[in-house]
Structures are given as C-alpha cells and as structure tokens.
Amino acid sequence: MECPHCGETLPSKTCPDCGGEVPENSLYCLVCGAPFEEESPPAVADDESGLDFENRVLCPDGACTGIIESGRCTECGRAYDGSAGPEAEADAEGEVEESRD
C-alpha cells in the first residue's frame, strides 16, 4: 500500500472479505467496511511473570497496594508477621485499648 501524499510504502494487510489492501493497524476495511478481528495480546502465565496471583499476600496496610515478598511489602517496606490486617497488628502491639462495659 502506498501513501497518497508522499508515495512511501506503508505496512498493509489484506481484507479477508473483499481482498482489498488496507493499512496494517486498520480496525475496518477501507473498501468494504468489514470489521477486522482484534488481536489480543498474549496472556502472561504466572510462571513467566514470576508472580503467583493465586497465593499472593497483600500488604496489611489498607492504603498500600503492595504485596508481601520475603516478609516485607514491595511498596511501603512494612514487615509482615502473618497478622490479618491493621487491627490485628495494632492488637499485637497493644495500641488498641479494650472497651470496658
């Protein structure tokens, strides 16, 4: 396919419906209007990315988006001792007073 302005050769593909030549990144055929199937990016398997999404542990700080690796949060650096969350951590440190009736 050739650029109508400068004459440069453009990467192109052929429409499977009409056989027309269209720019490579076209979503529709410029000749017949048929939609092209979008190519989805290849899925990254857990073993390729190095992350195990099924068994990851989120940071106990409710405002942090990190995950726990090697006992520490990857974002904020907070140590993780296996507690359930900020309330359990505060209880362990004695910062939360029990209410008395």
PDB file of N, CA and C in Angstrom:
ATOM      1  N   MET A   1       0.856  -1.171   0.000  1.00  0.00           N
ATOM      2  CA  MET A   1       0.000   0.000   0.000  1.00  0.00           C
ATOM      3  C   MET A   1       0.901   1.232   0.000  1.00  0.00           C
ATOM      4  N   GLU A   2       0.497   2.217  -0.731  1.00  0.00           N
ATOM      5  CA  GLU A   2       1.307   3.415  -0.901  1.00  0.00           C
ATOM      6  C   GLU A   2       0.597   4.630  -0.299  1.00  0.00           C
ATOM      7  N   CYS A   3       1.362   5.488   0.402  1.00  0.00           N
ATOM      8  CA  CYS A   3       0.817   6.710   0.974  1.00  0.00           C
ATOM      9  C   CYS A   3       0.394   7.647  -0.172  1.00  0.00           C
ATOM     10  N   PRO A   4      -0.859   8.153  -0.125  1.00  0.00           N
ATOM     11  CA  PRO A   4      -1.316   9.014  -1.214  1.00  0.00           C
ATOM     12  C   PRO A   4      -0.635  10.384  -1.229  1.00  0.00           C
ATOM     13  N   HIS A   5       0.000  10.763  -0.125  1.00  0.00           N
ATOM     14  CA  HIS A   5       0.630  12.090  -0.052  1.00  0.00           C
ATOM     15  C   HIS A   5       2.107  12.085  -0.449  1.00  0.00           C
ATOM     16  N   CYS A   6       2.854  11.108   0.102  1.00  0.00           N
ATOM     17  CA  CYS A   6       4.300  11.119  -0.137  1.00  0.00           C
ATOM     18  C   CYS A   6       4.780   9.960  -1.008  1.00  0.00           C
ATOM     19  N   GLY A   7       3.917   8.962  -1.221  1.00  0.00           N
ATOM     20  CA  GLY A   7       4.315   7.841  -2.056  1.00  0.00           C
ATOM     21  C   GLY A   7       5.080   6.752  -1.331  1.00  0.00           C
ATOM     22  N   GLU A   8       5.308   6.921  -0.043  1.00  0.00           N
ATOM     23  CA  GLU A   8       6.047   5.925   0.729  1.00  0.00           C
ATOM     24  C   GLU A   8       5.210   4.648   0.871  1.00  0.00           C
ATOM     25  N   THR A   9       5.882   3.505   0.877  1.00  0.00           N
ATOM     26  CA  THR A   9       5.202   2.218   1.048  1.00  0.00           C
ATOM     27  C   THR A   9       4.848   2.031   2.515  1.00  0.00           C
ATOM     28  N   LEU A  10       3.570   1.754   2.762  1.00  0.00           N
ATOM     29  CA  LEU A  10       3.074   1.563   4.124  1.00  0.00           C
ATOM     30  C   LEU A  10       2.848   0.084   4.405  1.00  0.00           C
ATOM     31  N   PRO A  11       3.068  -0.336   5.659  1.00  0.00           N
ATOM     32  CA  PRO A  11       2.745  -1.725   6.001  1.00  0.00           C
ATOM     33  C   PRO A  11       1.239  -1.928   5.847  1.00  0.00           C
ATOM     34  N   SER A  12       0.848  -3.053   5.247  1.00  0.00           N
ATOM     35  CA  SER A  12      -0.568  -3.265   4.986  1.00  0.00           C
ATOM     36  C   SER A  12      -0.946  -4.718   5.215  1.00  0.00           C
ATOM     37  N   LYS A  13      -2.260  -4.944   5.186  1.00  0.00           N
ATOM     38  CA  LYS A  13      -2.798  -6.294   5.259  1.00  0.00           C
ATOM     39  C   LYS A  13      -3.954  -6.383   4.273  1.00  0.00           C
ATOM     40  N   THR A  14      -4.362  -7.610   3.994  1.00  0.00           N
ATOM     41  CA  THR A  14      -5.419  -7.840   3.026  1.00  0.00           C
ATOM     42  C   THR A  14      -6.716  -8.175   3.749  1.00  0.00           C
ATOM     43  N   CYS A  15      -7.812  -7.588   3.319  1.00  0.00           N
ATOM     44  CA  CYS A  15      -9.128  -7.865   3.890  1.00  0.00           C
ATOM     45  C   CYS A  15      -9.537  -9.284   3.523  1.00  0.00           C
ATOM     46  N   PRO A  16      -9.929 -10.103   4.506  1.00  0.00           N
ATOM     47  CA  PRO A  16     -10.341 -11.469   4.193  1.00  0.00           C
ATOM     48  C   PRO A  16     -11.689 -11.534   3.462  1.00  0.00           C
ATOM     49  N   ASP A  17     -12.499 -10.478   3.547  1.00  0.00           N
ATOM     50  CA  ASP A  17     -13.808 -10.482   2.892  1.00  0.00           C
ATOM     51  C   ASP A  17     -13.736 -10.081   1.415  1.00  0.00           C
ATOM     52  N   CYS A  18     -13.084  -8.948   1.128  1.00  0.00           N
ATOM     53  CA  CYS A  18     -13.093  -8.441  -0.253  1.00  0.00           C
ATOM     54  C   CYS A  18     -11.735  -8.499  -0.937  1.00  0.00           C
ATOM     55  N   GLY A  19     -10.672  -8.740  -0.168  1.00  0.00           N
ATOM     56  CA  GLY A  19      -9.340  -8.802  -0.754  1.00  0.00           C
ATOM     57  C   GLY A  19      -8.681  -7.448  -0.922  1.00  0.00           C
ATOM     58  N   GLY A  20      -9.322  -6.382  -0.425  1.00  0.00           N
ATOM     59  CA  GLY A  20      -8.753  -5.045  -0.529  1.00  0.00           C
ATOM     60  C   GLY A  20      -7.523  -4.885   0.371  1.00  0.00           C
ATOM     61  N   GLU A  21      -6.613  -4.015  -0.045  1.00  0.00           N
ATOM     62  CA  GLU A  21      -5.400  -3.749   0.716  1.00  0.00           C
ATOM     63  C   GLU A  21      -5.651  -2.546   1.628  1.00  0.00           C
ATOM     64  N   VAL A  22      -5.413  -2.730   2.925  1.00  0.00           N
ATOM     65  CA  VAL A  22      -5.669  -1.677   3.918  1.00  0.00           C
ATOM     66  C   VAL A  22      -4.464  -1.523   4.827  1.00  0.00           C
ATOM     67  N   PRO A  23      -4.307  -0.346   5.491  1.00  0.00           N
ATOM     68  CA  PRO A  23      -3.195  -0.160   6.427  1.00  0.00           C
ATOM     69  C   PRO A  23      -3.196  -1.244   7.516  1.00  0.00           C
ATOM     70  N   GLU A  24      -2.023  -1.608   7.931  1.00  0.00           N
ATOM     71  CA  GLU A  24      -1.823  -2.722   8.858  1.00  0.00           C
ATOM     72  C   GLU A  24      -2.621  -2.597  10.168  1.00  0.00           C
ATOM     73  N   ASN A  25      -2.770  -1.408  10.720  1.00  0.00           N
ATOM     74  CA  ASN A  25      -3.435  -1.231  12.005  1.00  0.00           C
ATOM     75  C   ASN A  25      -4.924  -0.911  11.888  1.00  0.00           C
ATOM     76  N   SER A  26      -5.504  -1.086  10.690  1.00  0.00           N
ATOM     77  CA  SER A  26      -6.912  -0.768  10.480  1.00  0.00           C
ATOM     78  C   SER A  26      -7.819  -1.696  11.281  1.00  0.00           C
ATOM     79  N   LEU A  27      -8.897  -1.131  11.828  1.00  0.00           N
ATOM     80  CA  LEU A  27      -9.896  -1.921  12.530  1.00  0.00           C
ATOM     81  C   LEU A  27     -11.008  -2.356  11.588  1.00  0.00           C
ATOM     82  N   TYR A  28     -11.168  -1.614  10.465  1.00  0.00           N
ATOM     83  CA  TYR A  28     -12.184  -1.908   9.464  1.00  0.00           C
ATOM     84  C   TYR A  28     -11.555  -1.824   8.083  1.00  0.00           C
ATOM     85  N   CYS A  29     -12.115  -2.555   7.152  1.00  0.00           N
ATOM     86  CA  CYS A  29     -11.652  -2.488   5.767  1.00  0.00           C
ATOM     87  C   CYS A  29     -12.091  -1.156   5.170  1.00  0.00           C
ATOM     88  N   LEU A  30     -11.184  -0.469   4.495  1.00  0.00           N
ATOM     89  CA  LEU A  30     -11.494   0.808   3.865  1.00  0.00           C
ATOM     90  C   LEU A  30     -12.282   0.628   2.574  1.00  0.00           C
ATOM     91  N   VAL A  31     -12.315  -0.588   2.040  1.00  0.00           N
ATOM     92  CA  VAL A  31     -13.014  -0.859   0.793  1.00  0.00           C
ATOM     93  C   VAL A  31     -14.455  -1.301   1.055  1.00  0.00           C
ATOM     94  N   CYS A  32     -14.631  -2.356   1.879  1.00  0.00           N
ATOM     95  CA  CYS A  32     -15.966  -2.916   2.089  1.00  0.00           C
ATOM     96  C   CYS A  32     -16.550  -2.624   3.470  1.00  0.00           C
ATOM     97  N   GLY A  33     -15.742  -2.131   4.415  1.00  0.00           N
ATOM     98  CA  GLY A  33     -16.235  -1.792   5.751  1.00  0.00           C
ATOM     99  C   GLY A  33     -16.298  -2.955   6.720  1.00  0.00           C
ATOM    100  N   ALA A  34     -15.829  -4.123   6.335  1.00  0.00           N
ATOM    101  CA  ALA A  34     -15.864  -5.295   7.223  1.00  0.00           C
ATOM    102  C   ALA A  34     -14.934  -5.073   8.413  1.00  0.00           C
ATOM    103  N   PRO A  35     -15.389  -5.423   9.625  1.00  0.00           N
ATOM    104  CA  PRO A  35     -14.524  -5.268  10.807  1.00  0.00           C
ATOM    105  C   PRO A  35     -13.456  -6.360  10.834  1.00  0.00           C
ATOM    106  N   PHE A  36     -12.273  -5.994  11.303  1.00  0.00           N
ATOM    107  CA  PHE A  36     -11.200  -6.967  11.489  1.00  0.00           C
ATOM    108  C   PHE A  36     -11.245  -7.447  12.923  1.00  0.00           C
ATOM    109  N   GLU A  37     -10.894  -8.690  13.133  1.00  0.00           N
ATOM    110  CA  GLU A  37     -10.819  -9.242  14.480  1.00  0.00           C
ATOM    111  C   GLU A  37      -9.632  -8.601  15.183  1.00  0.00           C
ATOM    112  N   GLU A  38      -9.879  -8.139  16.398  1.00  0.00           N
ATOM    113  CA  GLU A  38      -8.777  -7.560  17.169  1.00  0.00           C
ATOM    114  C   GLU A  38      -7.906  -8.668  17.703  1.00  0.00           C
ATOM    115  N   GLU A  39      -6.606  -8.497  17.530  1.00  0.00           N
ATOM    116  CA  GLU A  39      -5.668  -9.476  18.067  1.00  0.00           C
ATOM    117  C   GLU A  39      -5.401  -9.126  19.515  1.00  0.00           C
ATOM    118  N   SER A  40      -5.714 -10.054  20.407  1.00  0.00           N
ATOM    119  CA  SER A  40      -5.473  -9.800  21.822  1.00  0.00           C
ATOM    120  C   SER A  40      -4.018 -10.096  22.145  1.00  0.00           C
ATOM    121  N   PRO A  41      -3.433  -9.320  23.063  1.00  0.00           N
ATOM    122  CA  PRO A  41      -2.043  -9.568  23.438  1.00  0.00           C
ATOM    123  C   PRO A  41      -1.929 -10.923  24.113  1.00  0.00           C
ATOM    124  N   PRO A  42      -0.821 -11.596  23.949  1.00  0.00           N
ATOM    125  CA  PRO A  42      -0.667 -12.915  24.563  1.00  0.00           C
ATOM    126  C   PRO A  42      -0.753 -12.823  26.085  1.00  0.00           C
ATOM    127  N   ALA A  43      -1.456 -13.761  26.660  1.00  0.00           N
ATOM    128  CA  ALA A  43      -1.603 -13.787  28.119  1.00  0.00           C
ATOM    129  C   ALA A  43      -0.280 -14.195  28.759  1.00  0.00           C
ATOM    130  N   VAL A  44       0.061 -13.547  29.841  1.00  0.00           N
ATOM    131  CA  VAL A  44       1.287 -13.857  30.559  1.00  0.00           C
ATOM    132  C   VAL A  44       0.957 -14.880  31.634  1.00  0.00           C
ATOM    133  N   ALA A  45       1.583 -16.022  31.553  1.00  0.00           N
ATOM    134  CA  ALA A  45       1.367 -17.059  32.559  1.00  0.00           C
ATOM    135  C   ALA A  45       2.049 -16.660  33.856  1.00  0.00           C
ATOM    136  N   ASP A  46       1.529 -17.174  34.968  1.00  0.00           N
ATOM    137  CA  ASP A  46       2.092 -16.842  36.275  1.00  0.00           C
ATOM    138  C   ASP A  46       3.576 -17.169  36.352  1.00  0.00           C
ATOM    139  N   ASP A  47       3.993 -18.290  35.754  1.00  0.00           N
ATOM    140  CA  ASP A  47       5.398 -18.670  35.861  1.00  0.00           C
ATOM    141  C   ASP A  47       6.302 -17.749  35.038  1.00  0.00           C
ATOM    142  N   GLU A  48       5.777 -17.113  33.980  1.00  0.00           N
ATOM    143  CA  GLU A  48       6.582 -16.192  33.181  1.00  0.00           C
ATOM    144  C   GLU A  48       6.807 -14.866  33.890  1.00  0.00           C
ATOM    145  N   SER A  49       5.795 -14.375  34.623  1.00  0.00           N
ATOM    146  CA  SER A  49       5.921 -13.080  35.270  1.00  0.00           C
ATOM    147  C   SER A  49       6.605 -13.188  36.627  1.00  0.00           C
ATOM    148  N   GLY A  50       6.678 -14.398  37.179  1.00  0.00           N
ATOM    149  CA  GLY A  50       7.298 -14.573  38.477  1.00  0.00           C
ATOM    150  C   GLY A  50       6.349 -14.333  39.634  1.00  0.00           C
ATOM    151  N   LEU A  51       5.084 -13.982  39.356  1.00  0.00           N
ATOM    152  CA  LEU A  51       4.117 -13.737  40.416  1.00  0.00           C
ATOM    153  C   LEU A  51       3.105 -14.868  40.464  1.00  0.00           C
ATOM    154  N   ASP A  52       2.747 -15.276  41.654  1.00  0.00           N
ATOM    155  CA  ASP A  52       1.730 -16.296  41.856  1.00  0.00           C
ATOM    156  C   ASP A  52       0.485 -15.588  42.358  1.00  0.00           C
ATOM    157  N   PHE A  53      -0.417 -15.216  41.459  1.00  0.00           N
ATOM    158  CA  PHE A  53      -1.580 -14.424  41.815  1.00  0.00           C
ATOM    159  C   PHE A  53      -2.549 -15.181  42.715  1.00  0.00           C
ATOM    160  N   GLU A  54      -2.556 -16.493  42.635  1.00  0.00           N
ATOM    161  CA  GLU A  54      -3.470 -17.287  43.459  1.00  0.00           C
ATOM    162  C   GLU A  54      -3.090 -17.235  44.934  1.00  0.00           C
ATOM    163  N   ASN A  55      -1.796 -17.171  45.229  1.00  0.00           N
ATOM    164  CA  ASN A  55      -1.336 -17.280  46.615  1.00  0.00           C
ATOM    165  C   ASN A  55      -0.633 -16.039  47.138  1.00  0.00           C
ATOM    166  N   ARG A  56      -0.786 -14.915  46.475  1.00  0.00           N
ATOM    167  CA  ARG A  56      -0.110 -13.701  46.932  1.00  0.00           C
ATOM    168  C   ARG A  56      -0.749 -13.192  48.221  1.00  0.00           C
ATOM    169  N   VAL A  57       0.045 -12.487  49.007  1.00  0.00           N
ATOM    170  CA  VAL A  57      -0.426 -11.896  50.259  1.00  0.00           C
ATOM    171  C   VAL A  57      -0.334 -10.386  50.098  1.00  0.00           C
ATOM    172  N   LEU A  58      -1.464  -9.697  50.271  1.00  0.00           N
ATOM    173  CA  LEU A  58      -1.489  -8.246  50.134  1.00  0.00           C
ATOM    174  C   LEU A  58      -0.956  -7.582  51.390  1.00  0.00           C
ATOM    175  N   CYS A  59      -0.434  -6.379  51.242  1.00  0.00           N
ATOM    176  CA  CYS A  59       0.075  -5.618  52.376  1.00  0.00           C
ATOM    177  C   CYS A  59      -1.052  -5.390  53.373  1.00  0.00           C
ATOM    178  N   PRO A  60      -0.782  -5.572  54.675  1.00  0.00           N
ATOM    179  CA  PRO A  60      -1.832  -5.383  55.677  1.00  0.00           C
ATOM    180  C   PRO A  60      -2.257  -3.928  55.856  1.00  0.00           C
ATOM    181  N   ASP A  61      -1.478  -2.982  55.360  1.00  0.00           N
ATOM    182  CA  ASP A  61      -1.862  -1.578  55.430  1.00  0.00           C
ATOM    183  C   ASP A  61      -2.976  -1.350  54.416  1.00  0.00           C
ATOM    184  N   GLY A  62      -4.125  -0.930  54.854  1.00  0.00           N
ATOM    185  CA  GLY A  62      -5.280  -0.786  53.983  1.00  0.00           C
ATOM    186  C   GLY A  62      -5.095   0.204  52.845  1.00  0.00           C
ATOM    187  N   ALA A  63      -4.138   1.120  52.930  1.00  0.00           N
ATOM    188  CA  ALA A  63      -3.944   2.136  51.898  1.00  0.00           C
ATOM    189  C   ALA A  63      -2.837   1.761  50.916  1.00  0.00           C
ATOM    190  N   CYS A  64      -2.093   0.708  51.191  1.00  0.00           N
ATOM    191  CA  CYS A  64      -0.960   0.319  50.359  1.00  0.00           C
ATOM    192  C   CYS A  64      -1.397  -0.707  49.316  1.00  0.00           C
ATOM    193  N   THR A  65      -0.782  -0.675  48.143  1.00  0.00           N
ATOM    194  CA  THR A  65      -1.123  -1.603  47.063  1.00  0.00           C
ATOM    195  C   THR A  65      -0.073  -2.685  46.863  1.00  0.00           C
ATOM    196  N   GLY A  66       0.891  -2.776  47.762  1.00  0.00           N
ATOM    197  CA  GLY A  66       1.977  -3.735  47.602  1.00  0.00           C
ATOM    198  C   GLY A  66       1.581  -5.148  47.980  1.00  0.00           C
ATOM    199  N   ILE A  67       2.486  -6.079  47.681  1.00  0.00           N
ATOM    200  CA  ILE A  67       2.324  -7.467  48.079  1.00  0.00           C
ATOM    201  C   ILE A  67       3.506  -7.872  48.939  1.00  0.00           C
ATOM    202  N   ILE A  68       3.319  -8.898  49.726  1.00  0.00           N
ATOM    203  CA  ILE A  68       4.370  -9.351  50.629  1.00  0.00           C
ATOM    204  C   ILE A  68       5.288 -10.324  49.898  1.00  0.00           C
ATOM    205  N   GLU A  69       6.566 -10.009  49.894  1.00  0.00           N
ATOM    206  CA  GLU A  69       7.598 -10.884  49.357  1.00  0.00           C
ATOM    207  C   GLU A  69       8.744 -10.904  50.354  1.00  0.00           C
ATOM    208  N   SER A  70       9.182 -12.073  50.704  1.00  0.00           N
ATOM    209  CA  SER A  70      10.293 -12.249  51.647  1.00  0.00           C
ATOM    210  C   SER A  70      10.039 -11.518  52.960  1.00  0.00           C
ATOM    211  N   GLY A  71       8.781 -11.521  53.426  1.00  0.00           N
ATOM    212  CA  GLY A  71       8.453 -10.947  54.725  1.00  0.00           C
ATOM    213  C   GLY A  71       8.266  -9.442  54.751  1.00  0.00           C
ATOM    214  N   ARG A  72       8.341  -8.766  53.609  1.00  0.00           N
ATOM    215  CA  ARG A  72       8.188  -7.310  53.549  1.00  0.00           C
ATOM    216  C   ARG A  72       7.289  -6.914  52.382  1.00  0.00           C
ATOM    217  N   CYS A  73       6.631  -5.762  52.536  1.00  0.00           N
ATOM    218  CA  CYS A  73       5.792  -5.218  51.474  1.00  0.00           C
ATOM    219  C   CYS A  73       6.691  -4.663  50.372  1.00  0.00           C
ATOM    220  N   THR A  74       6.320  -4.937  49.128  1.00  0.00           N
ATOM    221  CA  THR A  74       7.123  -4.470  47.995  1.00  0.00           C
ATOM    222  C   THR A  74       6.981  -2.976  47.752  1.00  0.00           C
ATOM    223  N   GLU A  75       5.947  -2.325  48.309  1.00  0.00           N
ATOM    224  CA  GLU A  75       5.732  -0.894  48.101  1.00  0.00           C
ATOM    225  C   GLU A  75       6.197  -0.051  49.290  1.00  0.00           C
ATOM    226  N   CYS A  76       5.651  -0.346  50.481  1.00  0.00           N
ATOM    227  CA  CYS A  76       5.937   0.515  51.631  1.00  0.00           C
ATOM    228  C   CYS A  76       7.050  -0.020  52.530  1.00  0.00           C
ATOM    229  N   GLY A  77       7.438  -1.275  52.342  1.00  0.00           N
ATOM    230  CA  GLY A  77       8.523  -1.841  53.123  1.00  0.00           C
ATOM    231  C   GLY A  77       8.123  -2.365  54.489  1.00  0.00           C
ATOM    232  N   ARG A  78       6.858  -2.293  54.834  1.00  0.00           N
ATOM    233  CA  ARG A  78       6.384  -2.754  56.144  1.00  0.00           C
ATOM    234  C   ARG A  78       6.650  -4.256  56.296  1.00  0.00           C
ATOM    235  N   ALA A  79       7.146  -4.630  57.464  1.00  0.00           N
ATOM    236  CA  ALA A  79       7.380  -6.041  57.757  1.00  0.00           C
ATOM    237  C   ALA A  79       6.043  -6.740  57.940  1.00  0.00           C
ATOM    238  N   TYR A  80       5.979  -7.991  57.518  1.00  0.00           N
ATOM    239  CA  TYR A  80       4.752  -8.773  57.635  1.00  0.00           C
ATOM    240  C   TYR A  80       5.028  -9.962  58.527  1.00  0.00           C
ATOM    241  N   ASP A  81       4.216 -10.084  59.594  1.00  0.00           N
ATOM    242  CA  ASP A  81       4.413 -11.184  60.539  1.00  0.00           C
ATOM    243  C   ASP A  81       3.311 -12.229  60.465  1.00  0.00           C
ATOM    244  N   GLY A  82       2.423 -12.124  59.470  1.00  0.00           N
ATOM    245  CA  GLY A  82       1.366 -13.102  59.316  1.00  0.00           C
ATOM    246  C   GLY A  82       0.046 -12.673  59.913  1.00  0.00           C
ATOM    247  N   SER A  83      -0.040 -11.451  60.439  1.00  0.00           N
ATOM    248  CA  SER A  83      -1.295 -10.985  61.024  1.00  0.00           C
ATOM    249  C   SER A  83      -2.294 -10.671  59.923  1.00  0.00           C
ATOM    250  N   ALA A  84      -3.579 -10.578  60.283  1.00  0.00           N
ATOM    251  CA  ALA A  84      -4.653 -10.425  59.307  1.00  0.00           C
ATOM    252  C   ALA A  84      -4.753  -9.027  58.714  1.00  0.00           C
ATOM    253  N   GLY A  85      -4.422  -7.998  59.447  1.00  0.00           N
ATOM    254  CA  GLY A  85      -4.574  -6.652  58.917  1.00  0.00           C
ATOM    255  C   GLY A  85      -4.204  -5.613  59.950  1.00  0.00           C
ATOM    256  N   PRO A  86      -4.540  -4.335  59.731  1.00  0.00           N
ATOM    257  CA  PRO A  86      -4.159  -3.267  60.650  1.00  0.00           C
ATOM    258  C   PRO A  86      -4.708  -3.471  62.058  1.00  0.00           C
ATOM    259  N   GLU A  87      -5.913  -4.011  62.175  1.00  0.00           N
ATOM    260  CA  GLU A  87      -6.489  -4.211  63.512  1.00  0.00           C
ATOM    261  C   GLU A  87      -5.710  -5.270  64.280  1.00  0.00           C
ATOM    262  N   ALA A  88      -5.383  -6.369  63.611  1.00  0.00           N
ATOM    263  CA  ALA A  88      -4.646  -7.440  64.275  1.00  0.00           C
ATOM    264  C   ALA A  88      -3.244  -6.970  64.637  1.00  0.00           C
ATOM    265  N   GLU A  89      -2.644  -6.170  63.768  1.00  0.00           N
ATOM    266  CA  GLU A  89      -1.310  -5.646  64.037  1.00  0.00           C
ATOM    267  C   GLU A  89      -1.335  -4.716  65.249  1.00  0.00           C
ATOM    268  N   ALA A  90      -2.352  -3.864  65.327  1.00  0.00           N
ATOM    269  CA  ALA A  90      -2.484  -2.947  66.457  1.00  0.00           C
ATOM    270  C   ALA A  90      -2.727  -3.720  67.750  1.00  0.00           C
ATOM    271  N   ASP A  91      -3.533  -4.767  67.705  1.00  0.00           N
ATOM    272  CA  ASP A  91      -3.774  -5.587  68.893  1.00  0.00           C
ATOM    273  C   ASP A  91      -2.480  -6.212  69.391  1.00  0.00           C
ATOM    274  N   ALA A  92      -1.661  -6.684  68.470  1.00  0.00           N
ATOM    275  CA  ALA A  92      -0.407  -7.331  68.835  1.00  0.00           C
ATOM    276  C   ALA A  92       0.555  -6.350  69.482  1.00  0.00           C
ATOM    277  N   GLU A  93       0.490  -5.094  69.096  1.00  0.00           N
ATOM    278  CA  GLU A  93       1.392  -4.092  69.645  1.00  0.00           C
ATOM    279  C   GLU A  93       0.821  -3.425  70.878  1.00  0.00           C
ATOM    280  N   GLY A  94      -0.410  -3.737  71.239  1.00  0.00           N
ATOM    281  CA  GLY A  94      -1.021  -3.161  72.434  1.00  0.00           C
ATOM    282  C   GLY A  94      -1.505  -1.740  72.238  1.00  0.00           C
ATOM    283  N   GLU A  95      -1.718  -1.318  70.999  1.00  0.00           N
ATOM    284  CA  GLU A  95      -2.130   0.049  70.742  1.00  0.00           C
ATOM    285  C   GLU A  95      -3.644   0.250  70.864  1.00  0.00           C
ATOM    286  N   VAL A  96      -4.390  -0.836  70.788  1.00  0.00           N
ATOM    287  CA  VAL A  96      -5.844  -0.738  70.871  1.00  0.00           C
ATOM    288  C   VAL A  96      -6.291  -1.084  72.275  1.00  0.00           C
ATOM    289  N   GLU A  97      -6.980  -0.164  72.909  1.00  0.00           N
ATOM    290  CA  GLU A  97      -7.476  -0.426  74.251  1.00  0.00           C
ATOM    291  C   GLU A  97      -8.813  -1.128  74.159  1.00  0.00           C
ATOM    292  N   GLU A  98      -9.007  -2.097  75.040  1.00  0.00           N
ATOM    293  CA  GLU A  98     -10.292  -2.799  75.073  1.00  0.00           C
ATOM    294  C   GLU A  98     -11.316  -1.900  75.753  1.00  0.00           C
ATOM    295  N   SER A  99     -12.529  -1.917  75.208  1.00  0.00           N
ATOM    296  CA  SER A  99     -13.591  -1.113  75.838  1.00  0.00           C
ATOM    297  C   SER A  99     -14.156  -1.872  77.024  1.00  0.00           C
ATOM    298  N   ARG A 100     -14.428  -1.147  78.094  1.00  0.00           N
ATOM    299  CA  ARG A 100     -14.969  -1.743  79.306  1.00  0.00           C
ATOM    300  C   ARG A 100     -16.410  -1.321  79.473  1.00  0.00           C
ATOM    301  N   ASP A 101     -17.246  -2.301  79.750  1.00  0.00           N
ATOM    302  CA  ASP A 101     -18.662  -2.006  79.959  1.00  0.00           C
ATOM    303  C   ASP A 101     -18.960  -1.727  81.402  1.00  0.00           C
TER     304      ASP A 101
END
